[in-house]
Every structure is written in structure tokens, then in C-alpha cells.
N, C-alpha and C. Protein backbone atom coordinates (compact mmCIF):
# COMPACT_ATOMS: atom_id res chain seq x y z
N MET A 1 43.48 5.89 -20.34
CA MET A 1 42.58 5.71 -21.47
C MET A 1 41.49 4.67 -21.19
N PRO A 2 41.81 3.50 -20.55
CA PRO A 2 40.77 2.52 -20.26
C PRO A 2 39.68 3.10 -19.36
N LEU A 3 40.04 3.99 -18.45
CA LEU A 3 39.06 4.60 -17.56
C LEU A 3 38.08 5.45 -18.36
N LEU A 4 38.58 6.22 -19.30
CA LEU A 4 37.72 7.05 -20.13
C LEU A 4 36.78 6.17 -20.96
N LEU A 5 37.30 5.09 -21.50
CA LEU A 5 36.49 4.16 -22.29
C LEU A 5 35.38 3.56 -21.44
N LEU A 6 35.70 3.15 -20.22
CA LEU A 6 34.70 2.59 -19.31
C LEU A 6 33.60 3.60 -19.04
N CYS A 7 33.98 4.85 -18.76
CA CYS A 7 32.99 5.89 -18.48
C CYS A 7 32.09 6.14 -19.68
N VAL A 8 32.66 6.16 -20.88
CA VAL A 8 31.87 6.37 -22.09
C VAL A 8 30.90 5.20 -22.30
N LEU A 9 31.39 3.98 -22.14
CA LEU A 9 30.53 2.81 -22.32
C LEU A 9 29.42 2.77 -21.28
N LEU A 10 29.73 3.10 -20.03
CA LEU A 10 28.73 3.13 -18.98
C LEU A 10 27.68 4.19 -19.28
N ALA A 11 28.10 5.36 -19.72
CA ALA A 11 27.16 6.43 -20.05
C ALA A 11 26.26 6.02 -21.22
N GLN A 12 26.84 5.37 -22.23
CA GLN A 12 26.04 4.92 -23.37
C GLN A 12 25.02 3.88 -22.94
N HIS A 13 25.44 2.95 -22.08
CA HIS A 13 24.54 1.90 -21.61
C HIS A 13 23.38 2.51 -20.81
N LEU A 14 23.69 3.43 -19.91
CA LEU A 14 22.64 4.06 -19.11
C LEU A 14 21.70 4.87 -19.99
N HIS A 15 22.25 5.60 -20.96
CA HIS A 15 21.41 6.39 -21.85
C HIS A 15 20.48 5.48 -22.66
N ALA A 16 21.01 4.39 -23.17
CA ALA A 16 20.19 3.46 -23.95
C ALA A 16 19.09 2.84 -23.09
N ALA A 17 19.43 2.49 -21.86
CA ALA A 17 18.45 1.87 -20.97
C ALA A 17 17.34 2.85 -20.61
N LEU A 18 17.71 4.10 -20.38
CA LEU A 18 16.72 5.08 -19.96
C LEU A 18 15.89 5.61 -21.11
N SER A 19 16.39 5.55 -22.34
CA SER A 19 15.64 6.08 -23.47
C SER A 19 14.93 5.00 -24.27
N SER A 20 15.12 3.75 -23.92
CA SER A 20 14.52 2.64 -24.65
C SER A 20 13.00 2.61 -24.47
N ASN A 21 12.30 2.13 -25.50
CA ASN A 21 10.86 1.93 -25.38
C ASN A 21 10.54 0.83 -24.40
N GLU A 22 11.51 -0.05 -24.14
CA GLU A 22 11.32 -1.14 -23.19
C GLU A 22 11.49 -0.70 -21.75
N THR A 23 11.94 0.52 -21.54
CA THR A 23 12.17 1.00 -20.18
C THR A 23 10.85 1.06 -19.45
N SER A 24 10.84 0.58 -18.24
CA SER A 24 9.64 0.55 -17.44
C SER A 24 9.43 1.88 -16.73
N ARG A 25 8.18 2.19 -16.52
CA ARG A 25 7.87 3.33 -15.67
C ARG A 25 8.20 2.94 -14.24
N LEU A 26 8.62 3.92 -13.46
CA LEU A 26 8.89 3.66 -12.05
C LEU A 26 7.66 4.01 -11.23
N ASP A 27 7.51 3.32 -10.10
CA ASP A 27 6.44 3.70 -9.20
C ASP A 27 6.79 5.05 -8.58
N LEU A 28 5.92 5.61 -7.80
CA LEU A 28 6.16 6.94 -7.25
C LEU A 28 7.38 7.01 -6.34
N SER A 29 7.73 5.91 -5.70
CA SER A 29 8.92 5.90 -4.84
C SER A 29 10.20 5.84 -5.65
N GLY A 30 10.11 5.41 -6.92
CA GLY A 30 11.28 5.28 -7.77
C GLY A 30 12.13 4.07 -7.45
N ARG A 31 11.62 3.17 -6.61
CA ARG A 31 12.40 2.00 -6.19
C ARG A 31 12.18 0.77 -7.07
N TYR A 32 11.04 0.69 -7.74
CA TYR A 32 10.77 -0.46 -8.59
C TYR A 32 9.91 -0.05 -9.79
N ALA A 33 9.90 -0.94 -10.78
CA ALA A 33 9.15 -0.68 -12.00
C ALA A 33 7.66 -0.87 -11.73
N ALA A 34 6.86 0.12 -12.10
CA ALA A 34 5.41 0.06 -11.87
C ALA A 34 4.81 -1.08 -12.69
N GLY A 35 3.98 -1.90 -12.04
CA GLY A 35 3.27 -2.96 -12.74
C GLY A 35 4.10 -4.16 -13.12
N GLU A 36 5.32 -4.28 -12.57
CA GLU A 36 6.18 -5.41 -12.92
C GLU A 36 6.58 -6.20 -11.68
N LEU A 37 6.63 -7.51 -11.86
CA LEU A 37 7.00 -8.41 -10.76
C LEU A 37 8.04 -9.43 -11.24
N LEU A 38 8.76 -9.97 -10.28
CA LEU A 38 9.62 -11.13 -10.50
C LEU A 38 8.99 -12.28 -9.72
N VAL A 39 8.74 -13.39 -10.42
CA VAL A 39 8.01 -14.52 -9.84
C VAL A 39 8.88 -15.76 -9.89
N LYS A 40 8.99 -16.46 -8.77
CA LYS A 40 9.73 -17.74 -8.69
C LYS A 40 8.68 -18.85 -8.58
N TRP A 41 8.51 -19.59 -9.68
CA TRP A 41 7.54 -20.67 -9.72
C TRP A 41 8.13 -21.95 -9.14
N LYS A 42 7.30 -22.72 -8.42
CA LYS A 42 7.76 -23.99 -7.83
C LYS A 42 8.33 -24.92 -8.90
N ASP A 43 7.65 -25.00 -10.03
CA ASP A 43 8.07 -25.92 -11.09
C ASP A 43 8.75 -25.22 -12.26
N GLY A 44 9.19 -23.98 -12.05
CA GLY A 44 9.91 -23.25 -13.08
C GLY A 44 9.02 -22.40 -13.97
N PRO A 45 9.62 -21.46 -14.70
CA PRO A 45 8.85 -20.53 -15.52
C PRO A 45 8.19 -21.15 -16.75
N ASP A 46 8.63 -22.34 -17.15
CA ASP A 46 8.03 -23.01 -18.32
C ASP A 46 6.97 -24.03 -17.93
N SER A 47 6.64 -24.07 -16.66
CA SER A 47 5.70 -25.08 -16.18
C SER A 47 4.25 -24.76 -16.57
N TYR A 48 3.44 -25.79 -16.51
CA TYR A 48 2.00 -25.64 -16.76
C TYR A 48 1.40 -24.68 -15.73
N ALA A 49 1.84 -24.81 -14.48
CA ALA A 49 1.33 -23.93 -13.42
C ALA A 49 1.63 -22.47 -13.71
N ALA A 50 2.81 -22.18 -14.25
CA ALA A 50 3.18 -20.81 -14.59
C ALA A 50 2.28 -20.28 -15.71
N ALA A 51 2.05 -21.11 -16.72
CA ALA A 51 1.21 -20.69 -17.85
C ALA A 51 -0.22 -20.41 -17.39
N ILE A 52 -0.79 -21.32 -16.60
CA ILE A 52 -2.15 -21.17 -16.12
C ILE A 52 -2.24 -20.00 -15.13
N GLY A 53 -1.23 -19.87 -14.27
CA GLY A 53 -1.22 -18.78 -13.30
C GLY A 53 -1.19 -17.42 -13.96
N ASN A 54 -0.30 -17.25 -14.93
CA ASN A 54 -0.22 -15.98 -15.66
C ASN A 54 -1.51 -15.68 -16.41
N LEU A 55 -2.09 -16.72 -17.02
CA LEU A 55 -3.33 -16.56 -17.76
C LEU A 55 -4.47 -16.14 -16.83
N SER A 56 -4.55 -16.77 -15.67
CA SER A 56 -5.65 -16.46 -14.74
C SER A 56 -5.54 -15.05 -14.16
N ILE A 57 -4.32 -14.57 -13.99
CA ILE A 57 -4.10 -13.22 -13.46
C ILE A 57 -4.15 -12.19 -14.57
N GLY A 58 -3.82 -12.60 -15.78
CA GLY A 58 -3.76 -11.68 -16.91
C GLY A 58 -2.39 -11.04 -17.05
N ALA A 59 -1.38 -11.71 -16.48
CA ALA A 59 -0.01 -11.18 -16.53
C ALA A 59 0.64 -11.51 -17.86
N GLU A 60 1.48 -10.60 -18.32
CA GLU A 60 2.24 -10.78 -19.56
C GLU A 60 3.68 -11.13 -19.21
N VAL A 61 4.17 -12.23 -19.75
CA VAL A 61 5.55 -12.64 -19.51
C VAL A 61 6.47 -11.75 -20.33
N LYS A 62 7.42 -11.10 -19.64
CA LYS A 62 8.39 -10.25 -20.33
C LYS A 62 9.70 -11.00 -20.58
N ARG A 63 10.08 -11.87 -19.62
CA ARG A 63 11.34 -12.60 -19.76
C ARG A 63 11.38 -13.76 -18.78
N ASN A 64 11.98 -14.86 -19.21
CA ASN A 64 12.22 -16.01 -18.33
C ASN A 64 13.70 -16.09 -18.00
N PHE A 65 14.00 -16.41 -16.78
CA PHE A 65 15.37 -16.63 -16.33
C PHE A 65 15.46 -18.12 -15.97
N HIS A 66 15.65 -18.94 -16.99
CA HIS A 66 15.57 -20.39 -16.85
C HIS A 66 16.54 -20.97 -15.84
N GLN A 67 17.79 -20.49 -15.83
CA GLN A 67 18.80 -21.08 -14.95
C GLN A 67 18.46 -20.91 -13.48
N ILE A 68 17.74 -19.85 -13.15
CA ILE A 68 17.43 -19.61 -11.73
C ILE A 68 15.95 -19.76 -11.42
N GLY A 69 15.13 -20.06 -12.43
CA GLY A 69 13.72 -20.37 -12.21
C GLY A 69 12.81 -19.18 -11.97
N TRP A 70 13.26 -18.00 -12.31
CA TRP A 70 12.44 -16.79 -12.11
C TRP A 70 11.84 -16.34 -13.42
N GLN A 71 10.77 -15.55 -13.31
CA GLN A 71 10.09 -15.01 -14.47
C GLN A 71 9.78 -13.53 -14.22
N HIS A 72 9.99 -12.70 -15.22
CA HIS A 72 9.68 -11.27 -15.15
C HIS A 72 8.34 -11.08 -15.84
N VAL A 73 7.35 -10.56 -15.11
CA VAL A 73 6.01 -10.39 -15.67
C VAL A 73 5.51 -8.96 -15.50
N LYS A 74 4.57 -8.60 -16.35
CA LYS A 74 3.87 -7.31 -16.23
C LYS A 74 2.44 -7.64 -15.87
N VAL A 75 1.96 -7.04 -14.78
CA VAL A 75 0.58 -7.29 -14.35
C VAL A 75 -0.37 -6.46 -15.22
N PRO A 76 -1.65 -6.84 -15.26
CA PRO A 76 -2.59 -6.10 -16.11
C PRO A 76 -2.70 -4.63 -15.71
N GLU A 77 -3.02 -3.80 -16.69
CA GLU A 77 -3.23 -2.37 -16.44
C GLU A 77 -4.28 -2.20 -15.34
N GLY A 78 -4.00 -1.32 -14.42
CA GLY A 78 -4.93 -1.06 -13.32
C GLY A 78 -4.67 -1.90 -12.08
N MET A 79 -3.84 -2.94 -12.19
CA MET A 79 -3.49 -3.77 -11.04
C MET A 79 -2.21 -3.22 -10.43
N SER A 80 -2.22 -2.99 -9.14
CA SER A 80 -1.02 -2.48 -8.47
C SER A 80 -0.02 -3.61 -8.26
N VAL A 81 1.19 -3.24 -7.95
CA VAL A 81 2.22 -4.23 -7.66
C VAL A 81 1.80 -5.06 -6.45
N ARG A 82 1.28 -4.43 -5.42
CA ARG A 82 0.82 -5.15 -4.22
C ARG A 82 -0.29 -6.12 -4.57
N GLN A 83 -1.27 -5.70 -5.36
CA GLN A 83 -2.36 -6.58 -5.77
C GLN A 83 -1.83 -7.76 -6.58
N GLY A 84 -0.88 -7.49 -7.46
CA GLY A 84 -0.27 -8.55 -8.25
C GLY A 84 0.47 -9.56 -7.38
N MET A 85 1.22 -9.04 -6.41
CA MET A 85 1.94 -9.94 -5.49
C MET A 85 0.95 -10.83 -4.75
N ASN A 86 -0.13 -10.24 -4.26
CA ASN A 86 -1.14 -11.03 -3.54
C ASN A 86 -1.78 -12.08 -4.43
N ALA A 87 -2.06 -11.72 -5.69
CA ALA A 87 -2.67 -12.66 -6.63
C ALA A 87 -1.74 -13.84 -6.91
N PHE A 88 -0.46 -13.57 -7.13
CA PHE A 88 0.49 -14.66 -7.39
C PHE A 88 0.68 -15.54 -6.16
N GLN A 89 0.77 -14.93 -4.99
CA GLN A 89 0.94 -15.71 -3.76
C GLN A 89 -0.26 -16.61 -3.50
N ALA A 90 -1.45 -16.15 -3.87
CA ALA A 90 -2.68 -16.93 -3.65
C ALA A 90 -2.77 -18.17 -4.54
N LEU A 91 -1.97 -18.23 -5.60
CA LEU A 91 -2.03 -19.37 -6.52
C LEU A 91 -1.59 -20.67 -5.86
N GLY A 92 -0.65 -20.58 -4.93
CA GLY A 92 -0.13 -21.78 -4.28
C GLY A 92 0.96 -22.48 -5.07
N THR A 93 1.30 -21.99 -6.24
CA THR A 93 2.34 -22.61 -7.08
C THR A 93 3.56 -21.71 -7.22
N VAL A 94 3.61 -20.66 -6.39
CA VAL A 94 4.69 -19.69 -6.43
C VAL A 94 5.50 -19.76 -5.15
N LEU A 95 6.82 -19.87 -5.29
CA LEU A 95 7.70 -19.89 -4.12
C LEU A 95 7.96 -18.49 -3.58
N ALA A 96 8.10 -17.53 -4.49
CA ALA A 96 8.40 -16.15 -4.08
C ALA A 96 7.94 -15.20 -5.17
N VAL A 97 7.60 -13.99 -4.77
CA VAL A 97 7.24 -12.94 -5.72
C VAL A 97 7.66 -11.61 -5.11
N GLU A 98 8.23 -10.75 -5.95
CA GLU A 98 8.68 -9.46 -5.46
C GLU A 98 8.61 -8.42 -6.57
N PRO A 99 8.59 -7.14 -6.20
CA PRO A 99 8.61 -6.10 -7.22
C PRO A 99 9.90 -6.17 -8.04
N ASN A 100 9.87 -5.64 -9.23
CA ASN A 100 11.06 -5.57 -10.08
C ASN A 100 11.85 -4.33 -9.66
N TYR A 101 12.67 -4.51 -8.63
CA TYR A 101 13.43 -3.39 -8.08
C TYR A 101 14.42 -2.84 -9.08
N VAL A 102 14.62 -1.55 -9.05
CA VAL A 102 15.56 -0.85 -9.92
C VAL A 102 16.87 -0.70 -9.15
N PRO A 103 17.97 -1.20 -9.71
CA PRO A 103 19.24 -1.06 -8.99
C PRO A 103 19.63 0.41 -8.88
N ALA A 104 20.11 0.78 -7.73
CA ALA A 104 20.53 2.16 -7.51
C ALA A 104 22.00 2.32 -7.91
N ILE A 105 22.23 3.12 -8.93
CA ILE A 105 23.60 3.43 -9.33
C ILE A 105 23.88 4.82 -8.82
N THR A 106 24.68 4.88 -7.82
CA THR A 106 24.95 6.16 -7.18
C THR A 106 26.32 6.69 -7.57
N GLY A 107 26.53 7.95 -7.30
CA GLY A 107 27.84 8.54 -7.54
C GLY A 107 28.91 7.84 -6.74
N ARG A 108 28.56 7.40 -5.53
CA ARG A 108 29.53 6.70 -4.67
C ARG A 108 29.94 5.37 -5.32
N TRP A 109 28.96 4.65 -5.88
CA TRP A 109 29.26 3.39 -6.53
C TRP A 109 30.19 3.61 -7.71
N LEU A 110 29.87 4.61 -8.54
CA LEU A 110 30.69 4.90 -9.71
C LEU A 110 32.11 5.30 -9.30
N THR A 111 32.23 6.08 -8.23
CA THR A 111 33.54 6.47 -7.71
C THR A 111 34.34 5.25 -7.30
N GLN A 112 33.69 4.28 -6.66
CA GLN A 112 34.38 3.05 -6.24
C GLN A 112 34.85 2.25 -7.45
N VAL A 113 34.02 2.19 -8.50
CA VAL A 113 34.41 1.47 -9.70
C VAL A 113 35.62 2.12 -10.34
N ILE A 114 35.59 3.44 -10.46
CA ILE A 114 36.71 4.17 -11.06
C ILE A 114 37.98 3.98 -10.24
N ARG A 115 37.87 4.05 -8.91
CA ARG A 115 39.03 3.85 -8.04
C ARG A 115 39.60 2.45 -8.21
N SER A 116 38.73 1.45 -8.34
CA SER A 116 39.19 0.07 -8.53
C SER A 116 39.95 -0.08 -9.85
N ILE A 117 39.45 0.56 -10.89
CA ILE A 117 40.12 0.49 -12.19
C ILE A 117 41.46 1.19 -12.13
N ARG A 118 41.50 2.34 -11.50
CA ARG A 118 42.78 3.06 -11.38
C ARG A 118 43.79 2.23 -10.62
N THR A 119 43.34 1.58 -9.55
CA THR A 119 44.24 0.74 -8.75
C THR A 119 44.76 -0.43 -9.59
N ALA A 120 43.86 -1.04 -10.36
CA ALA A 120 44.26 -2.18 -11.19
C ALA A 120 45.23 -1.76 -12.29
N ASN A 121 45.10 -0.53 -12.77
CA ASN A 121 45.96 -0.05 -13.86
C ASN A 121 47.17 0.73 -13.38
N ALA A 122 47.33 0.83 -12.07
CA ALA A 122 48.47 1.60 -11.53
C ALA A 122 49.79 0.90 -11.84
N PRO A 123 50.85 1.67 -12.07
CA PRO A 123 52.17 1.06 -12.31
C PRO A 123 52.58 0.18 -11.14
N SER A 124 53.16 -0.92 -11.47
CA SER A 124 53.56 -1.88 -10.44
C SER A 124 54.97 -2.34 -10.72
N PRO A 125 55.81 -2.38 -9.67
CA PRO A 125 57.19 -2.87 -9.87
C PRO A 125 57.22 -4.30 -10.39
N GLN A 126 56.23 -5.12 -9.98
CA GLN A 126 56.21 -6.52 -10.41
C GLN A 126 55.89 -6.64 -11.90
N ARG A 127 55.13 -5.68 -12.43
CA ARG A 127 54.76 -5.76 -13.84
C ARG A 127 55.74 -4.98 -14.73
N GLY A 128 56.68 -4.30 -14.12
CA GLY A 128 57.71 -3.61 -14.88
C GLY A 128 57.25 -2.34 -15.56
N ARG A 129 56.29 -1.67 -15.01
CA ARG A 129 55.83 -0.40 -15.59
C ARG A 129 56.56 0.76 -15.02
């Protein structure tokens, strides 16, 4: 029963993510979200440099990851991911910038998760099942 519940919850989560208005368009390769970047600012996402940098590029902040110092941004319409990366790198206040890669959830990955759950729920002499 727990396996069925996990599969239902995973399916609901994926459906919600894919049908949400917040879902990003993918680039033609399908590897990352079109027009979106992850930026690691030297002084953090709440810094003056981050505010001025985003303003000068015209980027829209979608989310801050305060604990790790990264920021999720959307570059202006018409700007490619490569152009956005170059613009952020040219600021001199950015430690790293990369496309917003889409995690690949494959059938193999799901099979491994299901196998792990089955193993964890298997009867065990030590647990008296």
C-alpha cells in the first residue's frame, strides 16, 4: 500500500508541476528552462550588487535561495540564456551563473525508487513480520 501511495503522490506532484502557470518553457534541447538562470552573487542575493545587477540587465527575480546564496532569475524577453550568462558574468559581482537545468526523471530512476521502497518494506526476521 505505501508503494501505491508514493506513486500516486509522485504522479500528482509531476502533474501539478507540468500544468502550473509557473512552469517554465523549456529550451529546444529540453535540458533547461528557456530564459531562466541561477546566479550566485558574491555578496548574496539580497546584496546591493544583486539589486543593481538585475536592474541593469532587466532580469526579474523569481526566487532567492538565501541559505546557499543563489538566486533564480528570468532574463528579459528576447535575451537568450547564453546572452544572459554573459551579461551576469560581465558584472564582476557574480561568482557563478548557469542555466536553470531541468532534472531528468527517468523510468530507471523511478524503478530504483520503487525497488528501494520495496526493500525497506520487505518482511524481516528482525522486525518480526
